[in-house]
Structure formats: C-alpha cells, structure tokens
Amino acid sequence: MAAKVRIPAPLRKLTKDQAVVESKGTTIEEILADLEKNYPGIRERVCDETGQVRRFINIFVNGEDIRFKEGAKTKVAADAEVSIIPAIAGGR
C-alpha cells in the first residue's frame, strides 16, 4: 500500500491536475524520489539545490510537521497521508 500525498494547487500541473496521488517510500526522502520518478519536475519545486525541503514548503505526515520530527528522514507508514503545503506570507 502506498502513502497518499496531497498536492497543492500550484504543483498540480505536474500531477495532471490530481489533488491526491499515491507514492511509495518509507521516508519523506523516498516519497519525494518516487514523486519525481512519476511526476518529473516536482522535486525541484519542493527541494532546493542541496536536496533539502525548501524553507517555504511545509510537509506534514498525518498532520505532524516533519520539521519537528526527523525532517526528510521522517518515517512514513504505507497508509500515511502526506501533505505538501506552500507557506503563505505577506499581509499586515
């Protein structure tokens, strides 16, 4: 069984307008690699040149922010829900 990955609207053009896709992997790193294999170009939008998740991208596994877990090495269960959420800034 694969994890369900929620794709934000700005990245859906890479997933053929799918809001939720399935991805295989036991860590966020593996999930991102599998997403890149199936949806080329998505990794460069989520990760920087060093392979780290960009500062303005938040990733959650079952509602928990990976920044407070093990970052990209955070474990992902086969039936987990992964959400990729771009940060929103601005306003007053």
Protein backbone atom coordinates (compact mmCIF):
# COMPACT_ATOMS: atom_id res chain seq x y z
CA MET A 1 0.00 0.00 0.00
CA ALA A 2 1.27 3.46 -0.86
CA ALA A 3 1.03 6.71 1.05
CA LYS A 4 -1.47 9.30 -0.15
CA VAL A 5 0.18 12.62 -0.98
CA ARG A 6 -1.90 15.79 -1.08
CA ILE A 7 -0.60 18.08 -3.82
CA PRO A 8 -1.09 21.87 -3.52
CA ALA A 9 -2.77 23.70 -6.40
CA PRO A 10 0.46 25.34 -7.70
CA LEU A 11 2.04 21.90 -8.26
CA ARG A 12 -0.97 20.11 -9.74
CA LYS A 13 0.05 20.89 -13.31
CA LEU A 14 2.89 18.40 -12.70
CA THR A 15 0.46 15.71 -11.49
CA LYS A 16 -2.02 16.12 -14.34
CA ASP A 17 -4.33 18.16 -12.07
CA GLN A 18 -4.59 15.42 -9.45
CA ALA A 19 -5.04 16.78 -5.92
CA VAL A 20 -4.06 13.45 -4.32
CA VAL A 21 -1.55 10.94 -5.69
CA GLU A 22 -0.06 7.76 -4.30
CA SER A 23 3.65 7.41 -3.63
CA LYS A 24 5.82 4.60 -2.33
CA GLY A 25 8.57 5.02 0.23
CA THR A 26 9.32 4.61 3.90
CA THR A 27 10.70 8.14 4.44
CA ILE A 28 9.91 11.59 3.08
CA GLU A 29 13.13 11.39 1.00
CA GLU A 30 11.89 8.20 -0.65
CA ILE A 31 8.40 9.62 -1.15
CA LEU A 32 9.88 12.69 -2.88
CA ALA A 33 12.11 10.48 -5.07
CA ASP A 34 9.10 8.37 -6.08
CA LEU A 35 7.08 11.51 -6.83
CA GLU A 36 9.92 12.79 -9.03
CA LYS A 37 10.04 9.48 -10.89
CA ASN A 38 6.29 9.61 -11.60
CA TYR A 39 5.90 13.40 -11.93
CA PRO A 40 9.18 14.88 -13.26
CA GLY A 41 9.94 18.39 -12.04
CA ILE A 42 8.10 18.16 -8.73
CA ARG A 43 11.24 17.60 -6.62
CA GLU A 44 12.92 20.82 -7.80
CA ARG A 45 9.83 22.75 -6.78
CA VAL A 46 9.81 21.18 -3.30
CA CYS A 47 13.56 20.85 -2.63
CA ASP A 48 16.48 23.25 -3.02
CA GLU A 49 19.78 22.60 -4.84
CA THR A 50 21.16 20.70 -1.84
CA GLY A 51 18.16 18.36 -1.72
CA GLN A 52 16.68 19.91 1.43
CA VAL A 53 12.99 20.80 1.61
CA ARG A 54 12.67 24.49 0.74
CA ARG A 55 12.08 26.90 3.63
CA PHE A 56 8.72 28.00 2.27
CA ILE A 57 7.41 24.44 1.80
CA ASN A 58 5.84 22.62 4.74
CA ILE A 59 5.40 18.86 4.70
CA PHE A 60 3.13 17.06 7.13
CA VAL A 61 2.80 13.33 7.79
CA ASN A 62 -0.58 12.51 9.30
CA GLY A 63 -0.87 16.13 10.42
CA GLU A 64 2.59 16.35 12.02
CA ASP A 65 5.15 18.82 10.65
CA ILE A 66 8.32 16.97 9.59
CA ARG A 67 10.40 19.94 10.81
CA PHE A 68 9.57 18.85 14.36
CA LYS A 69 10.29 15.19 13.55
CA GLU A 70 13.30 13.98 11.56
CA GLY A 71 12.97 16.29 8.56
CA ALA A 72 13.30 14.46 5.24
CA LYS A 73 14.28 11.31 7.14
CA THR A 74 10.85 11.22 8.84
CA LYS A 75 9.32 7.74 8.60
CA VAL A 76 6.19 7.31 6.50
CA ALA A 77 3.83 4.36 7.05
CA ALA A 78 2.32 2.70 3.99
CA ASP A 79 -1.14 4.09 4.74
CA ALA A 80 0.02 7.57 5.81
CA GLU A 81 -1.27 10.86 4.50
CA VAL A 82 1.45 13.28 3.40
CA SER A 83 0.55 16.91 2.75
CA ILE A 84 2.78 19.32 0.84
CA ILE A 85 1.81 22.87 1.74
CA PRO A 86 3.46 26.03 0.43
CA ALA A 87 3.85 28.69 3.12
CA ILE A 88 1.89 31.89 2.68
CA ALA A 89 3.49 35.19 3.59
CA GLY A 90 2.56 38.82 3.42
CA GLY A 91 -0.26 40.93 4.68
CA ARG A 92 -0.37 43.27 7.62
